[in-house]
Amino acid sequence: MNQLSPESTTVWWAPLGSENRMMTQIFTNGLSQIKDNQAK
């Protein structure tokens, strides 16, 4: 099974955001922190 990239995971999660925007915000912030850590 292929690993999803953060971008594709965000796209997959996006439809749920209309119902649960708070969770989407937390999820997106978490991905941003992971990207920042990987960039260092």
PDB file of N, CA and C in Angstrom:
ATOM      1  N   MET A   1       0.843  -1.205   0.000  1.00  0.00           N
ATOM      2  CA  MET A   1       0.000   0.000   0.000  1.00  0.00           C
ATOM      3  C   MET A   1       0.875   1.250   0.000  1.00  0.00           C
ATOM      4  N   ASN A   2       0.593   2.137  -0.912  1.00  0.00           N
ATOM      5  CA  ASN A   2       1.395   3.352  -1.026  1.00  0.00           C
ATOM      6  C   ASN A   2       1.087   4.314   0.112  1.00  0.00           C
ATOM      7  N   GLN A   3       2.124   4.982   0.585  1.00  0.00           N
ATOM      8  CA  GLN A   3       1.908   6.019   1.598  1.00  0.00           C
ATOM      9  C   GLN A   3       1.359   7.267   0.932  1.00  0.00           C
ATOM     10  N   LEU A   4       0.374   7.871   1.589  1.00  0.00           N
ATOM     11  CA  LEU A   4      -0.184   9.111   1.057  1.00  0.00           C
ATOM     12  C   LEU A   4       0.738  10.275   1.374  1.00  0.00           C
ATOM     13  N   SER A   5       0.880  11.163   0.439  1.00  0.00           N
ATOM     14  CA  SER A   5       1.600  12.395   0.718  1.00  0.00           C
ATOM     15  C   SER A   5       0.714  13.301   1.563  1.00  0.00           C
ATOM     16  N   PRO A   6       1.286  14.227   2.327  1.00  0.00           N
ATOM     17  CA  PRO A   6       0.460  15.144   3.130  1.00  0.00           C
ATOM     18  C   PRO A   6      -0.588  15.860   2.290  1.00  0.00           C
ATOM     19  N   GLU A   7      -0.230  16.204   1.054  1.00  0.00           N
ATOM     20  CA  GLU A   7      -1.176  16.924   0.200  1.00  0.00           C
ATOM     21  C   GLU A   7      -2.395  16.065  -0.110  1.00  0.00           C
ATOM     22  N   SER A   8      -2.174  14.806  -0.500  1.00  0.00           N
ATOM     23  CA  SER A   8      -3.301  13.952  -0.870  1.00  0.00           C
ATOM     24  C   SER A   8      -4.143  13.622   0.355  1.00  0.00           C
ATOM     25  N   THR A   9      -3.495  13.510   1.526  1.00  0.00           N
ATOM     26  CA  THR A   9      -4.247  13.261   2.754  1.00  0.00           C
ATOM     27  C   THR A   9      -5.155  14.446   3.066  1.00  0.00           C
ATOM     28  N   THR A  10      -4.631  15.659   2.863  1.00  0.00           N
ATOM     29  CA  THR A  10      -5.426  16.856   3.116  1.00  0.00           C
ATOM     30  C   THR A  10      -6.616  16.916   2.174  1.00  0.00           C
ATOM     31  N   VAL A  11      -6.382  16.573   0.905  1.00  0.00           N
ATOM     32  CA  VAL A  11      -7.459  16.590  -0.084  1.00  0.00           C
ATOM     33  C   VAL A  11      -8.535  15.583   0.301  1.00  0.00           C
ATOM     34  N   TRP A  12      -8.110  14.405   0.754  1.00  0.00           N
ATOM     35  CA  TRP A  12      -9.057  13.364   1.156  1.00  0.00           C
ATOM     36  C   TRP A  12      -9.880  13.830   2.353  1.00  0.00           C
ATOM     37  N   TRP A  13      -9.241  14.550   3.251  1.00  0.00           N
ATOM     38  CA  TRP A  13      -9.883  14.975   4.501  1.00  0.00           C
ATOM     39  C   TRP A  13     -10.817  16.158   4.278  1.00  0.00           C
ATOM     40  N   ALA A  14     -10.537  16.950   3.253  1.00  0.00           N
ATOM     41  CA  ALA A  14     -11.238  18.219   3.037  1.00  0.00           C
ATOM     42  C   ALA A  14     -12.766  18.117   3.055  1.00  0.00           C
ATOM     43  N   PRO A  15     -13.393  17.123   2.410  1.00  0.00           N
ATOM     44  CA  PRO A  15     -14.860  17.067   2.420  1.00  0.00           C
ATOM     45  C   PRO A  15     -15.453  16.985   3.828  1.00  0.00           C
ATOM     46  N   LEU A  16     -14.722  16.364   4.754  1.00  0.00           N
ATOM     47  CA  LEU A  16     -15.214  16.269   6.126  1.00  0.00           C
ATOM     48  C   LEU A  16     -15.175  17.624   6.817  1.00  0.00           C
ATOM     49  N   GLY A  17     -14.332  18.518   6.319  1.00  0.00           N
ATOM     50  CA  GLY A  17     -14.119  19.805   6.968  1.00  0.00           C
ATOM     51  C   GLY A  17     -15.364  20.668   7.008  1.00  0.00           C
ATOM     52  N   SER A  18     -16.241  20.499   6.022  1.00  0.00           N
ATOM     53  CA  SER A  18     -17.454  21.315   5.992  1.00  0.00           C
ATOM     54  C   SER A  18     -18.331  21.005   7.197  1.00  0.00           C
ATOM     55  N   GLU A  19     -18.239  19.773   7.703  1.00  0.00           N
ATOM     56  CA  GLU A  19     -19.029  19.387   8.872  1.00  0.00           C
ATOM     57  C   GLU A  19     -18.234  19.551  10.158  1.00  0.00           C
ATOM     58  N   ASN A  20     -16.930  19.411  10.067  1.00  0.00           N
ATOM     59  CA  ASN A  20     -16.113  19.405  11.281  1.00  0.00           C
ATOM     60  C   ASN A  20     -14.871  20.253  11.053  1.00  0.00           C
ATOM     61  N   ARG A  21     -15.100  21.561  10.908  1.00  0.00           N
ATOM     62  CA  ARG A  21     -14.020  22.476  10.547  1.00  0.00           C
ATOM     63  C   ARG A  21     -12.935  22.509  11.617  1.00  0.00           C
ATOM     64  N   MET A  22     -13.324  22.364  12.878  1.00  0.00           N
ATOM     65  CA  MET A  22     -12.349  22.419  13.962  1.00  0.00           C
ATOM     66  C   MET A  22     -11.331  21.289  13.829  1.00  0.00           C
ATOM     67  N   MET A  23     -11.829  20.075  13.592  1.00  0.00           N
ATOM     68  CA  MET A  23     -10.923  18.941  13.452  1.00  0.00           C
ATOM     69  C   MET A  23     -10.028  19.111  12.233  1.00  0.00           C
ATOM     70  N   THR A  24     -10.584  19.650  11.166  1.00  0.00           N
ATOM     71  CA  THR A  24      -9.793  19.869   9.957  1.00  0.00           C
ATOM     72  C   THR A  24      -8.676  20.869  10.228  1.00  0.00           C
ATOM     73  N   GLN A  25      -8.989  21.902  11.009  1.00  0.00           N
ATOM     74  CA  GLN A  25      -7.978  22.912  11.330  1.00  0.00           C
ATOM     75  C   GLN A  25      -6.837  22.282  12.126  1.00  0.00           C
ATOM     76  N   ILE A  26      -7.197  21.481  13.131  1.00  0.00           N
ATOM     77  CA  ILE A  26      -6.183  20.807  13.949  1.00  0.00           C
ATOM     78  C   ILE A  26      -5.349  19.877  13.075  1.00  0.00           C
ATOM     79  N   PHE A  27      -6.028  19.123  12.209  1.00  0.00           N
ATOM     80  CA  PHE A  27      -5.359  18.169  11.326  1.00  0.00           C
ATOM     81  C   PHE A  27      -4.382  18.883  10.402  1.00  0.00           C
ATOM     82  N   THR A  28      -4.831  19.993   9.821  1.00  0.00           N
ATOM     83  CA  THR A  28      -3.992  20.751   8.894  1.00  0.00           C
ATOM     84  C   THR A  28      -2.805  21.365   9.626  1.00  0.00           C
ATOM     85  N   ASN A  29      -3.047  21.892  10.828  1.00  0.00           N
ATOM     86  CA  ASN A  29      -1.958  22.474  11.613  1.00  0.00           C
ATOM     87  C   ASN A  29      -0.918  21.407  11.940  1.00  0.00           C
ATOM     88  N   GLY A  30      -1.377  20.210  12.258  1.00  0.00           N
ATOM     89  CA  GLY A  30      -0.464  19.102  12.546  1.00  0.00           C
ATOM     90  C   GLY A  30       0.402  18.775  11.337  1.00  0.00           C
ATOM     91  N   LEU A  31      -0.211  18.744  10.151  1.00  0.00           N
ATOM     92  CA  LEU A  31       0.559  18.472   8.932  1.00  0.00           C
ATOM     93  C   LEU A  31       1.582  19.565   8.697  1.00  0.00           C
ATOM     94  N   SER A  32       1.204  20.814   8.950  1.00  0.00           N
ATOM     95  CA  SER A  32       2.124  21.932   8.743  1.00  0.00           C
ATOM     96  C   SER A  32       3.331  21.798   9.660  1.00  0.00           C
ATOM     97  N   GLN A  33       3.101  21.386  10.909  1.00  0.00           N
ATOM     98  CA  GLN A  33       4.205  21.229  11.852  1.00  0.00           C
ATOM     99  C   GLN A  33       5.128  20.102  11.405  1.00  0.00           C
ATOM    100  N   ILE A  34       4.552  19.017  10.886  1.00  0.00           N
ATOM    101  CA  ILE A  34       5.366  17.904  10.396  1.00  0.00           C
ATOM    102  C   ILE A  34       6.236  18.370   9.233  1.00  0.00           C
ATOM    103  N   LYS A  35       5.651  19.120   8.320  1.00  0.00           N
ATOM    104  CA  LYS A  35       6.406  19.639   7.170  1.00  0.00           C
ATOM    105  C   LYS A  35       7.535  20.547   7.648  1.00  0.00           C
ATOM    106  N   ASP A  36       7.248  21.407   8.623  1.00  0.00           N
ATOM    107  CA  ASP A  36       8.262  22.321   9.142  1.00  0.00           C
ATOM    108  C   ASP A  36       9.414  21.533   9.761  1.00  0.00           C
ATOM    109  N   ASN A  37       9.081  20.479  10.517  1.00  0.00           N
ATOM    110  CA  ASN A  37      10.113  19.675  11.163  1.00  0.00           C
ATOM    111  C   ASN A  37      10.966  18.952  10.126  1.00  0.00           C
ATOM    112  N   GLN A  38      10.346  18.483   9.054  1.00  0.00           N
ATOM    113  CA  GLN A  38      11.086  17.779   8.013  1.00  0.00           C
ATOM    114  C   GLN A  38      11.990  18.739   7.246  1.00  0.00           C
ATOM    115  N   ALA A  39      11.569  19.993   7.148  1.00  0.00           N
ATOM    116  CA  ALA A  39      12.331  20.980   6.377  1.00  0.00           C
ATOM    117  C   ALA A  39      13.615  21.382   7.097  1.00  0.00           C
ATOM    118  N   LYS A  40      13.638  21.224   8.418  1.00  0.00           N
ATOM    119  CA  LYS A  40      14.813  21.653   9.196  1.00  0.00           C
ATOM    120  C   LYS A  40      15.968  20.658   9.031  1.00  0.00           C
TER     121      LYS A  40
END
